[in-house]
PDB file of N, CA and C in Angstrom:
ATOM      1  N   UNK A   1     -10.982 -17.677  -2.808  1.00  0.00           N
ATOM      2  CA  UNK A   1     -10.284 -16.467  -2.865  1.00  0.00           C
ATOM      3  C   UNK A   1      -9.599 -16.300  -4.246  1.00  0.00           C
ATOM      4  N   UNK A   2      -9.684 -15.101  -4.783  1.00  0.00           N
ATOM      5  CA  UNK A   2      -9.071 -14.820  -6.092  1.00  0.00           C
ATOM      6  C   UNK A   2      -7.564 -14.761  -6.010  1.00  0.00           C
ATOM      7  N   UNK A   3      -6.921 -15.128  -7.089  1.00  0.00           N
ATOM      8  CA  UNK A   3      -5.450 -15.029  -7.151  1.00  0.00           C
ATOM      9  C   UNK A   3      -5.095 -13.544  -7.227  1.00  0.00           C
ATOM     10  N   UNK A   4      -4.019 -13.227  -6.550  1.00  0.00           N
ATOM     11  CA  UNK A   4      -3.581 -11.847  -6.525  1.00  0.00           C
ATOM     12  C   UNK A   4      -2.957 -11.371  -7.823  1.00  0.00           C
ATOM     13  N   UNK A   5      -2.980 -10.101  -8.032  1.00  0.00           N
ATOM     14  CA  UNK A   5      -2.345  -9.484  -9.205  1.00  0.00           C
ATOM     15  C   UNK A   5      -0.855  -9.624  -9.042  1.00  0.00           C
ATOM     16  N   UNK A   6      -0.177  -9.898 -10.176  1.00  0.00           N
ATOM     17  CA  UNK A   6       1.294  -9.915 -10.160  1.00  0.00           C
ATOM     18  C   UNK A   6       1.765  -9.088 -11.338  1.00  0.00           C
ATOM     19  N   UNK A   7       3.057  -8.783 -11.320  1.00  0.00           N
ATOM     20  CA  UNK A   7       3.633  -7.875 -12.316  1.00  0.00           C
ATOM     21  C   UNK A   7       4.783  -8.545 -13.042  1.00  0.00           C
ATOM     22  N   UNK A   8       4.852  -8.242 -14.332  1.00  0.00           N
ATOM     23  CA  UNK A   8       5.947  -8.705 -15.150  1.00  0.00           C
ATOM     24  C   UNK A   8       6.601  -7.503 -15.819  1.00  0.00           C
ATOM     25  N   UNK A   9       7.914  -7.561 -15.909  1.00  0.00           N
ATOM     26  CA  UNK A   9       8.642  -6.500 -16.584  1.00  0.00           C
ATOM     27  C   UNK A   9       9.246  -6.968 -17.908  1.00  0.00           C
ATOM     28  N   UNK A  10       8.719  -8.084 -18.394  1.00  0.00           N
ATOM     29  CA  UNK A  10       9.220  -8.712 -19.608  1.00  0.00           C
ATOM     30  C   UNK A  10       9.186  -7.711 -20.794  1.00  0.00           C
ATOM     31  N   UNK A  11       8.170  -6.874 -20.855  1.00  0.00           N
ATOM     32  CA  UNK A  11       7.997  -5.936 -21.988  1.00  0.00           C
ATOM     33  C   UNK A  11       8.300  -4.477 -21.596  1.00  0.00           C
ATOM     34  N   UNK A  12       8.955  -4.269 -20.479  1.00  0.00           N
ATOM     35  CA  UNK A  12       9.284  -2.924 -20.034  1.00  0.00           C
ATOM     36  C   UNK A  12      10.199  -2.228 -21.060  1.00  0.00           C
ATOM     37  N   UNK A  13       9.815  -1.088 -21.509  1.00  0.00           N
ATOM     38  CA  UNK A  13      10.582  -0.284 -22.488  1.00  0.00           C
ATOM     39  C   UNK A  13      11.302   0.812 -21.699  1.00  0.00           C
ATOM     40  N   UNK A  14      12.608   0.737 -21.667  1.00  0.00           N
ATOM     41  CA  UNK A  14      13.423   1.764 -20.976  1.00  0.00           C
ATOM     42  C   UNK A  14      14.182   2.615 -21.966  1.00  0.00           C
ATOM     43  N   UNK A  15      13.813   2.569 -23.238  1.00  0.00           N
ATOM     44  CA  UNK A  15      14.581   3.293 -24.247  1.00  0.00           C
ATOM     45  C   UNK A  15      13.804   4.453 -24.876  1.00  0.00           C
ATOM     46  N   UNK A  16      12.498   4.452 -24.795  1.00  0.00           N
ATOM     47  CA  UNK A  16      11.681   5.509 -25.378  1.00  0.00           C
ATOM     48  C   UNK A  16      11.907   6.808 -24.621  1.00  0.00           C
ATOM     49  N   UNK A  17      12.295   7.841 -25.330  1.00  0.00           N
ATOM     50  CA  UNK A  17      12.703   9.101 -24.702  1.00  0.00           C
ATOM     51  C   UNK A  17      11.659   9.679 -23.722  1.00  0.00           C
ATOM     52  N   UNK A  18      10.410   9.617 -24.091  1.00  0.00           N
ATOM     53  CA  UNK A  18       9.411  10.281 -23.190  1.00  0.00           C
ATOM     54  C   UNK A  18       9.115   9.470 -21.943  1.00  0.00           C
ATOM     55  N   UNK A  19       9.579   8.239 -21.863  1.00  0.00           N
ATOM     56  CA  UNK A  19       9.345   7.387 -20.706  1.00  0.00           C
ATOM     57  C   UNK A  19      10.644   7.000 -19.980  1.00  0.00           C
ATOM     58  N   UNK A  20      11.663   7.791 -20.123  1.00  0.00           N
ATOM     59  CA  UNK A  20      12.913   7.479 -19.478  1.00  0.00           C
ATOM     60  C   UNK A  20      12.825   7.732 -17.974  1.00  0.00           C
ATOM     61  N   UNK A  21      13.256   6.794 -17.245  1.00  0.00           N
ATOM     62  CA  UNK A  21      13.241   6.931 -15.771  1.00  0.00           C
ATOM     63  C   UNK A  21      14.615   6.959 -15.168  1.00  0.00           C
ATOM     64  N   UNK A  22      15.648   6.909 -15.996  1.00  0.00           N
ATOM     65  CA  UNK A  22      16.996   6.816 -15.426  1.00  0.00           C
ATOM     66  C   UNK A  22      17.383   8.085 -14.661  1.00  0.00           C
ATOM     67  N   UNK A  23      16.714   9.212 -14.906  1.00  0.00           N
ATOM     68  CA  UNK A  23      17.014  10.433 -14.156  1.00  0.00           C
ATOM     69  C   UNK A  23      16.273  10.483 -12.830  1.00  0.00           C
ATOM     70  N   UNK A  24      15.358   9.538 -12.584  1.00  0.00           N
ATOM     71  CA  UNK A  24      14.575   9.562 -11.356  1.00  0.00           C
ATOM     72  C   UNK A  24      15.428   9.031 -10.176  1.00  0.00           C
ATOM     73  N   UNK A  25      15.192   9.604  -9.024  1.00  0.00           N
ATOM     74  CA  UNK A  25      16.024   9.204  -7.862  1.00  0.00           C
ATOM     75  C   UNK A  25      15.404   8.019  -7.125  1.00  0.00           C
ATOM     76  N   UNK A  26      16.083   7.602  -6.077  1.00  0.00           N
ATOM     77  CA  UNK A  26      15.647   6.406  -5.329  1.00  0.00           C
ATOM     78  C   UNK A  26      14.279   6.625  -4.658  1.00  0.00           C
ATOM     79  N   UNK A  27      13.944   7.853  -4.320  1.00  0.00           N
ATOM     80  CA  UNK A  27      12.633   8.148  -3.755  1.00  0.00           C
ATOM     81  C   UNK A  27      11.535   7.803  -4.730  1.00  0.00           C
ATOM     82  N   UNK A  28      11.743   8.113  -5.970  1.00  0.00           N
ATOM     83  CA  UNK A  28      10.745   7.828  -7.017  1.00  0.00           C
ATOM     84  C   UNK A  28      10.555   6.298  -7.133  1.00  0.00           C
ATOM     85  N   UNK A  29      11.658   5.560  -7.159  1.00  0.00           N
ATOM     86  CA  UNK A  29      11.563   4.108  -7.304  1.00  0.00           C
ATOM     87  C   UNK A  29      10.953   3.458  -6.064  1.00  0.00           C
ATOM     88  N   UNK A  30      11.149   4.066  -4.922  1.00  0.00           N
ATOM     89  CA  UNK A  30      10.475   3.586  -3.693  1.00  0.00           C
ATOM     90  C   UNK A  30       8.976   3.770  -3.836  1.00  0.00           C
ATOM     91  N   UNK A  31       8.565   4.871  -4.447  1.00  0.00           N
ATOM     92  CA  UNK A  31       7.137   5.135  -4.684  1.00  0.00           C
ATOM     93  C   UNK A  31       6.584   4.092  -5.701  1.00  0.00           C
ATOM     94  N   UNK A  32       7.311   3.793  -6.753  1.00  0.00           N
ATOM     95  CA  UNK A  32       6.877   2.802  -7.737  1.00  0.00           C
ATOM     96  C   UNK A  32       6.704   1.455  -7.034  1.00  0.00           C
ATOM     97  N   UNK A  33       7.707   1.049  -6.268  1.00  0.00           N
ATOM     98  CA  UNK A  33       7.648  -0.255  -5.590  1.00  0.00           C
ATOM     99  C   UNK A  33       6.513  -0.341  -4.579  1.00  0.00           C
ATOM    100  N   UNK A  34       6.273   0.742  -3.878  1.00  0.00           N
ATOM    101  CA  UNK A  34       5.183   0.777  -2.938  1.00  0.00           C
ATOM    102  C   UNK A  34       3.825   0.627  -3.588  1.00  0.00           C
ATOM    103  N   UNK A  35       3.672   1.250  -4.759  1.00  0.00           N
ATOM    104  CA  UNK A  35       2.396   1.166  -5.485  1.00  0.00           C
ATOM    105  C   UNK A  35       2.211  -0.262  -6.029  1.00  0.00           C
ATOM    106  N   UNK A  36       3.288  -0.852  -6.574  1.00  0.00           N
ATOM    107  CA  UNK A  36       3.200  -2.210  -7.082  1.00  0.00           C
ATOM    108  C   UNK A  36       2.876  -3.193  -5.957  1.00  0.00           C
ATOM    109  N   UNK A  37       3.493  -2.962  -4.767  1.00  0.00           N
ATOM    110  CA  UNK A  37       3.196  -3.837  -3.646  1.00  0.00           C
ATOM    111  C   UNK A  37       1.735  -3.765  -3.246  1.00  0.00           C
ATOM    112  N   UNK A  38       1.211  -2.533  -3.180  1.00  0.00           N
ATOM    113  CA  UNK A  38      -0.194  -2.351  -2.804  1.00  0.00           C
ATOM    114  C   UNK A  38      -1.124  -3.032  -3.806  1.00  0.00           C
ATOM    115  N   UNK A  39      -0.839  -2.872  -5.076  1.00  0.00           N
ATOM    116  CA  UNK A  39      -1.671  -3.527  -6.090  1.00  0.00           C
ATOM    117  C   UNK A  39      -1.526  -5.037  -6.071  1.00  0.00           C
ATOM    118  N   UNK A  40      -0.371  -5.528  -5.726  1.00  0.00           N
ATOM    119  CA  UNK A  40      -0.174  -7.004  -5.699  1.00  0.00           C
ATOM    120  C   UNK A  40      -0.939  -7.676  -4.596  1.00  0.00           C
ATOM    121  N   UNK A  41      -1.463  -6.886  -3.664  1.00  0.00           N
ATOM    122  CA  UNK A  41      -2.307  -7.414  -2.596  1.00  0.00           C
ATOM    123  C   UNK A  41      -3.771  -7.534  -3.028  1.00  0.00           C
ATOM    124  N   UNK A  42      -4.059  -7.087  -4.231  1.00  0.00           N
ATOM    125  CA  UNK A  42      -5.428  -7.105  -4.756  1.00  0.00           C
ATOM    126  C   UNK A  42      -5.593  -8.276  -5.747  1.00  0.00           C
ATOM    127  N   UNK A  43      -6.827  -8.633  -5.909  1.00  0.00           N
ATOM    128  CA  UNK A  43      -7.168  -9.589  -6.969  1.00  0.00           C
ATOM    129  C   UNK A  43      -7.346  -8.820  -8.257  1.00  0.00           C
ATOM    130  N   UNK A  44      -7.414  -9.546  -9.372  1.00  0.00           N
ATOM    131  CA  UNK A  44      -7.715  -8.920 -10.655  1.00  0.00           C
ATOM    132  C   UNK A  44      -9.047  -8.181 -10.621  1.00  0.00           C
ATOM    133  N   UNK A  45     -10.030  -8.829  -9.986  1.00  0.00           N
ATOM    134  CA  UNK A  45     -11.379  -8.243  -9.890  1.00  0.00           C
ATOM    135  C   UNK A  45     -11.311  -6.909  -9.135  1.00  0.00           C
ATOM    136  N   UNK A  46     -10.568  -6.901  -8.022  1.00  0.00           N
ATOM    137  CA  UNK A  46     -10.433  -5.657  -7.256  1.00  0.00           C
ATOM    138  C   UNK A  46      -9.759  -4.572  -8.076  1.00  0.00           C
ATOM    139  N   UNK A  47      -8.697  -4.943  -8.811  1.00  0.00           N
ATOM    140  CA  UNK A  47      -8.049  -3.999  -9.680  1.00  0.00           C
ATOM    141  C   UNK A  47      -8.972  -3.414 -10.717  1.00  0.00           C
ATOM    142  N   UNK A  48      -9.735  -4.283 -11.363  1.00  0.00           N
ATOM    143  CA  UNK A  48     -10.675  -3.839 -12.415  1.00  0.00           C
ATOM    144  C   UNK A  48     -11.787  -2.998 -11.852  1.00  0.00           C
ATOM    145  N   UNK A  49     -12.072  -3.138 -10.561  1.00  0.00           N
ATOM    146  CA  UNK A  49     -13.130  -2.334  -9.899  1.00  0.00           C
ATOM    147  C   UNK A  49     -12.597  -0.998  -9.386  1.00  0.00           C
ATOM    148  N   UNK A  50     -11.282  -0.808  -9.420  1.00  0.00           N
ATOM    149  CA  UNK A  50     -10.750   0.483  -8.911  1.00  0.00           C
ATOM    150  C   UNK A  50     -11.276   1.708  -9.582  1.00  0.00           C
ATOM    151  N   UNK A  51     -11.565   1.690 -10.897  1.00  0.00           N
ATOM    152  CA  UNK A  51     -12.148   2.901 -11.474  1.00  0.00           C
ATOM    153  C   UNK A  51     -13.455   3.297 -10.804  1.00  0.00           C
ATOM    154  N   UNK A  52     -14.156   2.321 -10.241  1.00  0.00           N
ATOM    155  CA  UNK A  52     -15.428   2.589  -9.567  1.00  0.00           C
ATOM    156  C   UNK A  52     -15.194   2.876  -8.077  1.00  0.00           C
ATOM    157  N   UNK A  53     -14.388   2.014  -7.433  1.00  0.00           N
ATOM    158  CA  UNK A  53     -14.267   2.080  -5.992  1.00  0.00           C
ATOM    159  C   UNK A  53     -13.020   2.892  -5.514  1.00  0.00           C
ATOM    160  N   UNK A  54     -12.024   3.015  -6.370  1.00  0.00           N
ATOM    161  CA  UNK A  54     -10.772   3.619  -5.937  1.00  0.00           C
ATOM    162  C   UNK A  54     -10.690   5.131  -6.099  1.00  0.00           C
ATOM    163  N   UNK A  55     -11.660   5.687  -6.783  1.00  0.00           N
ATOM    164  CA  UNK A  55     -11.652   7.135  -6.955  1.00  0.00           C
ATOM    165  C   UNK A  55     -10.380   7.699  -7.574  1.00  0.00           C
ATOM    166  N   UNK A  56     -10.068   8.887  -7.210  1.00  0.00           N
ATOM    167  CA  UNK A  56      -8.928   9.582  -7.807  1.00  0.00           C
ATOM    168  C   UNK A  56      -7.588   9.131  -7.220  1.00  0.00           C
ATOM    169  N   UNK A  57      -7.592   8.387  -6.157  1.00  0.00           N
ATOM    170  CA  UNK A  57      -6.315   7.980  -5.546  1.00  0.00           C
ATOM    171  C   UNK A  57      -5.560   6.982  -6.383  1.00  0.00           C
ATOM    172  N   UNK A  58      -6.230   6.291  -7.284  1.00  0.00           N
ATOM    173  CA  UNK A  58      -5.566   5.262  -8.139  1.00  0.00           C
ATOM    174  C   UNK A  58      -5.563   5.651  -9.605  1.00  0.00           C
ATOM    175  N   UNK A  59      -6.589   6.346 -10.045  1.00  0.00           N
ATOM    176  CA  UNK A  59      -6.751   6.700 -11.466  1.00  0.00           C
ATOM    177  C   UNK A  59      -6.451   5.555 -12.398  1.00  0.00           C
ATOM    178  N   UNK A  60      -7.051   4.434 -12.039  1.00  0.00           N
ATOM    179  CA  UNK A  60      -6.929   3.219 -12.883  1.00  0.00           C
ATOM    180  C   UNK A  60      -7.963   3.345 -14.005  1.00  0.00           C
ATOM    181  N   UNK A  61      -7.493   3.171 -15.231  1.00  0.00           N
ATOM    182  CA  UNK A  61      -8.453   3.129 -16.362  1.00  0.00           C
ATOM    183  C   UNK A  61      -7.774   2.483 -17.545  1.00  0.00           C
ATOM    184  N   UNK A  62      -8.604   2.036 -18.474  1.00  0.00           N
ATOM    185  CA  UNK A  62      -8.163   1.514 -19.731  1.00  0.00           C
ATOM    186  C   UNK A  62      -7.514   2.616 -20.529  1.00  0.00           C
ATOM    187  N   UNK A  63      -6.527   2.255 -21.337  1.00  0.00           N
ATOM    188  CA  UNK A  63      -5.947   3.191 -22.295  1.00  0.00           C
ATOM    189  C   UNK A  63      -6.603   2.959 -23.609  1.00  0.00           C
ATOM    190  N   UNK A  64      -7.173   4.001 -24.155  1.00  0.00           N
ATOM    191  CA  UNK A  64      -7.747   3.907 -25.518  1.00  0.00           C
ATOM    192  C   UNK A  64      -6.806   4.668 -26.447  1.00  0.00           C
ATOM    193  N   UNK A  65      -6.419   4.009 -27.481  1.00  0.00           N
ATOM    194  CA  UNK A  65      -5.435   4.566 -28.405  1.00  0.00           C
ATOM    195  C   UNK A  65      -6.142   5.492 -29.412  1.00  0.00           C
ATOM    196  N   UNK A  66      -6.337   6.717 -28.957  1.00  0.00           N
ATOM    197  CA  UNK A  66      -7.000   7.691 -29.827  1.00  0.00           C
ATOM    198  C   UNK A  66      -6.184   8.983 -29.854  1.00  0.00           C
ATOM    199  N   UNK A  67      -6.790  10.070 -30.250  1.00  0.00           N
ATOM    200  CA  UNK A  67      -6.040  11.314 -30.363  1.00  0.00           C
ATOM    201  C   UNK A  67      -5.740  11.973 -29.022  1.00  0.00           C
ATOM    202  N   UNK A  68      -6.204  11.436 -27.919  1.00  0.00           N
ATOM    203  CA  UNK A  68      -5.887  11.984 -26.584  1.00  0.00           C
ATOM    204  C   UNK A  68      -4.508  11.564 -26.088  1.00  0.00           C
ATOM    205  N   UNK A  69      -3.963  10.480 -26.631  1.00  0.00           N
ATOM    206  CA  UNK A  69      -2.712   9.972 -26.175  1.00  0.00           C
ATOM    207  C   UNK A  69      -1.614  10.223 -27.197  1.00  0.00           C
ATOM    208  N   UNK A  70      -0.351  10.201 -26.723  1.00  0.00           N
ATOM    209  CA  UNK A  70       0.797  10.556 -27.559  1.00  0.00           C
ATOM    210  C   UNK A  70       1.367   9.353 -28.307  1.00  0.00           C
ATOM    211  N   UNK A  71       0.840   8.166 -28.110  1.00  0.00           N
ATOM    212  CA  UNK A  71       1.279   6.952 -28.795  1.00  0.00           C
ATOM    213  C   UNK A  71       0.080   6.293 -29.472  1.00  0.00           C
ATOM    214  N   UNK A  72       0.367   5.473 -30.480  1.00  0.00           N
ATOM    215  CA  UNK A  72      -0.737   4.769 -31.165  1.00  0.00           C
ATOM    216  C   UNK A  72      -0.880   3.339 -30.700  1.00  0.00           C
ATOM    217  N   UNK A  73      -0.048   2.932 -29.758  1.00  0.00           N
ATOM    218  CA  UNK A  73      -0.069   1.587 -29.178  1.00  0.00           C
ATOM    219  C   UNK A  73       1.280   1.289 -28.543  1.00  0.00           C
ATOM    220  N   UNK A  74       1.370   0.115 -27.942  1.00  0.00           N
ATOM    221  CA  UNK A  74       2.602  -0.289 -27.267  1.00  0.00           C
ATOM    222  C   UNK A  74       3.716  -0.695 -28.222  1.00  0.00           C
ATOM    223  N   UNK A  75       3.372  -1.009 -29.479  1.00  0.00           N
ATOM    224  CA  UNK A  75       4.371  -1.424 -30.422  1.00  0.00           C
ATOM    225  C   UNK A  75       4.914  -2.827 -30.224  1.00  0.00           C
ATOM    226  N   UNK A  76       4.066  -3.679 -29.677  1.00  0.00           N
ATOM    227  CA  UNK A  76       4.460  -5.072 -29.417  1.00  0.00           C
ATOM    228  C   UNK A  76       3.746  -5.990 -30.366  1.00  0.00           C
ATOM    229  N   UNK A  77       4.370  -6.324 -31.477  1.00  0.00           N
ATOM    230  CA  UNK A  77       3.714  -7.182 -32.496  1.00  0.00           C
ATOM    231  C   UNK A  77       3.539  -8.591 -32.046  1.00  0.00           C
ATOM    232  N   UNK A  78       4.461  -9.091 -31.210  1.00  0.00           N
ATOM    233  CA  UNK A  78       4.346 -10.483 -30.778  1.00  0.00           C
ATOM    234  C   UNK A  78       3.285 -10.700 -29.713  1.00  0.00           C
ATOM    235  N   UNK A  79       2.814  -9.624 -29.128  1.00  0.00           N
ATOM    236  CA  UNK A  79       1.772  -9.707 -28.126  1.00  0.00           C
ATOM    237  C   UNK A  79       0.546  -8.981 -28.651  1.00  0.00           C
ATOM    238  N   UNK A  80      -0.207  -9.648 -29.451  1.00  0.00           N
ATOM    239  CA  UNK A  80      -1.305  -9.020 -30.194  1.00  0.00           C
ATOM    240  C   UNK A  80      -2.366  -8.425 -29.326  1.00  0.00           C
ATOM    241  N   UNK A  81      -2.539  -8.980 -28.139  1.00  0.00           N
ATOM    242  CA  UNK A  81      -3.617  -8.455 -27.257  1.00  0.00           C
ATOM    243  C   UNK A  81      -3.161  -7.345 -26.308  1.00  0.00           C
ATOM    244  N   UNK A  82      -1.886  -6.926 -26.411  1.00  0.00           N
ATOM    245  CA  UNK A  82      -1.372  -5.898 -25.507  1.00  0.00           C
ATOM    246  C   UNK A  82      -2.170  -4.596 -25.600  1.00  0.00           C
ATOM    247  N   UNK A  83      -2.378  -4.108 -26.833  1.00  0.00           N
ATOM    248  CA  UNK A  83      -3.086  -2.856 -27.002  1.00  0.00           C
ATOM    249  C   UNK A  83      -4.552  -2.936 -26.600  1.00  0.00           C
ATOM    250  N   UNK A  84      -5.139  -4.087 -26.810  1.00  0.00           N
ATOM    251  CA  UNK A  84      -6.540  -4.285 -26.459  1.00  0.00           C
ATOM    252  C   UNK A  84      -6.760  -4.381 -24.962  1.00  0.00           C
ATOM    253  N   UNK A  85      -5.722  -4.718 -24.216  1.00  0.00           N
ATOM    254  CA  UNK A  85      -5.805  -4.909 -22.759  1.00  0.00           C
ATOM    255  C   UNK A  85      -4.998  -3.874 -22.005  1.00  0.00           C
ATOM    256  N   UNK A  86      -4.824  -2.701 -22.615  1.00  0.00           N
ATOM    257  CA  UNK A  86      -3.961  -1.647 -22.035  1.00  0.00           C
ATOM    258  C   UNK A  86      -4.672  -0.958 -20.855  1.00  0.00           C
ATOM    259  N   UNK A  87      -3.911  -0.765 -19.814  1.00  0.00           N
ATOM    260  CA  UNK A  87      -4.384  -0.101 -18.605  1.00  0.00           C
ATOM    261  C   UNK A  87      -3.332   0.843 -18.072  1.00  0.00           C
ATOM    262  N   UNK A  88      -3.674   1.743 -17.215  1.00  0.00           N
ATOM    263  CA  UNK A  88      -2.744   2.593 -16.525  1.00  0.00           C
ATOM    264  C   UNK A  88      -3.205   2.767 -15.080  1.00  0.00           C
ATOM    265  N   UNK A  89      -2.261   3.075 -14.215  1.00  0.00           N
ATOM    266  CA  UNK A  89      -2.584   3.461 -12.862  1.00  0.00           C
ATOM    267  C   UNK A  89      -1.652   4.584 -12.432  1.00  0.00           C
ATOM    268  N   UNK A  90      -2.086   5.384 -11.487  1.00  0.00           N
ATOM    269  CA  UNK A  90      -1.335   6.522 -11.003  1.00  0.00           C
ATOM    270  C   UNK A  90      -0.377   6.109  -9.888  1.00  0.00           C
ATOM    271  N   UNK A  91       0.814   6.736  -9.896  1.00  0.00           N
ATOM    272  CA  UNK A  91       1.735   6.561  -8.771  1.00  0.00           C
ATOM    273  C   UNK A  91       1.361   7.528  -7.681  1.00  0.00           C
ATOM    274  N   UNK A  92       1.272   8.770  -8.016  1.00  0.00           N
ATOM    275  CA  UNK A  92       0.735   9.805  -7.129  1.00  0.00           C
ATOM    276  C   UNK A  92       0.424  10.995  -8.021  1.00  0.00           C
ATOM    277  N   UNK A  93      -0.251  12.012  -7.469  1.00  0.00           N
ATOM    278  CA  UNK A  93      -0.700  13.120  -8.276  1.00  0.00           C
ATOM    279  C   UNK A  93       0.424  13.711  -9.110  1.00  0.00           C
ATOM    280  N   UNK A  94       1.544  13.931  -8.537  1.00  0.00           N
ATOM    281  CA  UNK A  94       2.656  14.624  -9.231  1.00  0.00           C
ATOM    282  C   UNK A  94       3.777  13.678  -9.739  1.00  0.00           C
ATOM    283  N   UNK A  95       3.553  12.398  -9.712  1.00  0.00           N
ATOM    284  CA  UNK A  95       4.635  11.474 -10.053  1.00  0.00           C
ATOM    285  C   UNK A  95       4.334  10.533 -11.201  1.00  0.00           C
ATOM    286  N   UNK A  96       3.337  10.878 -12.015  1.00  0.00           N
ATOM    287  CA  UNK A  96       3.104  10.137 -13.240  1.00  0.00           C
ATOM    288  C   UNK A  96       2.327   8.871 -13.067  1.00  0.00           C
ATOM    289  N   UNK A  97       2.474   7.994 -14.082  1.00  0.00           N
ATOM    290  CA  UNK A  97       1.663   6.803 -14.205  1.00  0.00           C
ATOM    291  C   UNK A  97       2.530   5.605 -14.586  1.00  0.00           C
ATOM    292  N   UNK A  98       1.914   4.441 -14.486  1.00  0.00           N
ATOM    293  CA  UNK A  98       2.503   3.220 -15.024  1.00  0.00           C
ATOM    294  C   UNK A  98       1.528   2.683 -16.042  1.00  0.00           C
ATOM    295  N   UNK A  99       2.011   2.366 -17.229  1.00  0.00           N
ATOM    296  CA  UNK A  99       1.197   1.882 -18.329  1.00  0.00           C
ATOM    297  C   UNK A  99       1.613   0.469 -18.652  1.00  0.00           C
ATOM    298  N   UNK A 100       0.626  -0.352 -18.974  1.00  0.00           N
ATOM    299  CA  UNK A 100       0.882  -1.715 -19.307  1.00  0.00           C
ATOM    300  C   UNK A 100      -0.351  -2.438 -19.759  1.00  0.00           C
ATOM    301  N   UNK A 101      -0.295  -3.729 -19.816  1.00  0.00           N
ATOM    302  CA  UNK A 101      -1.446  -4.493 -20.229  1.00  0.00           C
ATOM    303  C   UNK A 101      -1.656  -5.678 -19.294  1.00  0.00           C
ATOM    304  N   UNK A 102      -2.917  -6.017 -19.152  1.00  0.00           N
ATOM    305  CA  UNK A 102      -3.341  -7.033 -18.203  1.00  0.00           C
ATOM    306  C   UNK A 102      -3.820  -8.272 -18.949  1.00  0.00           C
ATOM    307  N   UNK A 103      -3.142  -9.368 -18.678  1.00  0.00           N
ATOM    308  CA  UNK A 103      -3.521 -10.680 -19.213  1.00  0.00           C
ATOM    309  C   UNK A 103      -3.646 -11.624 -18.046  1.00  0.00           C
ATOM    310  N   UNK A 104      -4.866 -12.117 -17.850  1.00  0.00           N
ATOM    311  CA  UNK A 104      -5.134 -12.943 -16.637  1.00  0.00           C
ATOM    312  C   UNK A 104      -4.904 -12.097 -15.438  1.00  0.00           C
ATOM    313  N   UNK A 105      -4.093 -12.595 -14.490  1.00  0.00           N
ATOM    314  CA  UNK A 105      -3.779 -11.854 -13.269  1.00  0.00           C
ATOM    315  C   UNK A 105      -2.440 -11.136 -13.347  1.00  0.00           C
ATOM    316  N   UNK A 106      -1.834 -11.105 -14.524  1.00  0.00           N
ATOM    317  CA  UNK A 106      -0.524 -10.506 -14.689  1.00  0.00           C
ATOM    318  C   UNK A 106      -0.622  -9.136 -15.401  1.00  0.00           C
ATOM    319  N   UNK A 107      -0.089  -8.142 -14.749  1.00  0.00           N
ATOM    320  CA  UNK A 107       0.007  -6.825 -15.332  1.00  0.00           C
ATOM    321  C   UNK A 107       1.430  -6.686 -15.889  1.00  0.00           C
ATOM    322  N   UNK A 108       1.528  -6.593 -17.198  1.00  0.00           N
ATOM    323  CA  UNK A 108       2.799  -6.466 -17.897  1.00  0.00           C
ATOM    324  C   UNK A 108       3.149  -4.983 -18.004  1.00  0.00           C
ATOM    325  N   UNK A 109       4.144  -4.536 -17.253  1.00  0.00           N
ATOM    326  CA  UNK A 109       4.484  -3.118 -17.264  1.00  0.00           C
ATOM    327  C   UNK A 109       5.248  -2.823 -18.588  1.00  0.00           C
ATOM    328  N   UNK A 110       4.732  -1.830 -19.331  1.00  0.00           N
ATOM    329  CA  UNK A 110       5.363  -1.418 -20.560  1.00  0.00           C
ATOM    330  C   UNK A 110       6.153  -0.123 -20.401  1.00  0.00           C
ATOM    331  N   UNK A 111       5.527   0.857 -19.794  1.00  0.00           N
ATOM    332  CA  UNK A 111       6.189   2.172 -19.606  1.00  0.00           C
ATOM    333  C   UNK A 111       5.951   2.654 -18.177  1.00  0.00           C
ATOM    334  N   UNK A 112       6.998   3.167 -17.577  1.00  0.00           N
ATOM    335  CA  UNK A 112       6.859   3.959 -16.358  1.00  0.00           C
ATOM    336  C   UNK A 112       6.974   5.422 -16.802  1.00  0.00           C
ATOM    337  N   UNK A 113       5.984   6.191 -16.499  1.00  0.00           N
ATOM    338  CA  UNK A 113       5.828   7.504 -17.109  1.00  0.00           C
ATOM    339  C   UNK A 113       5.834   8.608 -16.041  1.00  0.00           C
ATOM    340  N   UNK A 114       7.042   9.027 -15.614  1.00  0.00           N
ATOM    341  CA  UNK A 114       7.107   9.989 -14.526  1.00  0.00           C
ATOM    342  C   UNK A 114       6.486  11.322 -14.837  1.00  0.00           C
ATOM    343  N   UNK A 115       6.426  11.696 -16.117  1.00  0.00           N
ATOM    344  CA  UNK A 115       5.926  13.025 -16.462  1.00  0.00           C
ATOM    345  C   UNK A 115       4.505  12.972 -17.065  1.00  0.00           C
ATOM    346  N   UNK A 116       3.889  11.832 -17.005  1.00  0.00           N
ATOM    347  CA  UNK A 116       2.543  11.648 -17.587  1.00  0.00           C
ATOM    348  C   UNK A 116       2.498  12.045 -19.053  1.00  0.00           C
ATOM    349  N   UNK A 117       3.528  11.624 -19.780  1.00  0.00           N
ATOM    350  CA  UNK A 117       3.699  12.009 -21.161  1.00  0.00           C
ATOM    351  C   UNK A 117       2.744  11.291 -22.144  1.00  0.00           C
ATOM    352  N   UNK A 118       2.155  10.129 -21.752  1.00  0.00           N
ATOM    353  CA  UNK A 118       1.240   9.472 -22.627  1.00  0.00           C
ATOM    354  C   UNK A 118      -0.050  10.312 -22.816  1.00  0.00           C
ATOM    355  N   UNK A 119      -0.415  11.020 -21.778  1.00  0.00           N
ATOM    356  CA  UNK A 119      -1.615  11.886 -21.824  1.00  0.00           C
ATOM    357  C   UNK A 119      -1.138  13.336 -21.644  1.00  0.00           C
ATOM    358  N   UNK A 120      -0.612  13.953 -22.731  1.00  0.00           N
ATOM    359  CA  UNK A 120      -0.030  15.291 -22.559  1.00  0.00           C
ATOM    360  C   UNK A 120      -0.988  16.364 -22.096  1.00  0.00           C
ATOM    361  N   UNK A 121      -2.284  16.156 -22.336  1.00  0.00           N
ATOM    362  CA  UNK A 121      -3.254  17.174 -21.898  1.00  0.00           C
ATOM    363  C   UNK A 121      -3.864  16.862 -20.551  1.00  0.00           C
ATOM    364  N   UNK A 122      -3.410  15.869 -19.878  1.00  0.00           N
ATOM    365  CA  UNK A 122      -3.993  15.456 -18.588  1.00  0.00           C
ATOM    366  C   UNK A 122      -4.456  14.029 -18.640  1.00  0.00           C
ATOM    367  N   UNK A 123      -5.183  13.595 -17.619  1.00  0.00           N
ATOM    368  CA  UNK A 123      -5.616  12.210 -17.474  1.00  0.00           C
ATOM    369  C   UNK A 123      -6.759  11.958 -18.401  1.00  0.00           C
TER     370      UNK A 123
END
């Protein structure tokens, strides 16, 4: 059996204006925790297969740092592979995304994005 996905908040950025979550209420954070719990029941392989098997309910995909996104990378110099291993998943249709990077079975959360600001033109 594969090891389950786990989450780290070591690199969580709570200071960048477009990704501020301090105005979000407890219902929003319950949604975040519920999504993290559901993903933590999956293996890395299952997570990586979500773009194929999960359809629109997860919207899991790699982040490519190009002109479609509002940032040029995570800005983490000490973690050189963060930008190369960047992923996102949806919380719900109207509640934004979580962005981070996957190393081994650990998803390092970088930004919680309630307004889907990383992709200003959509997913």
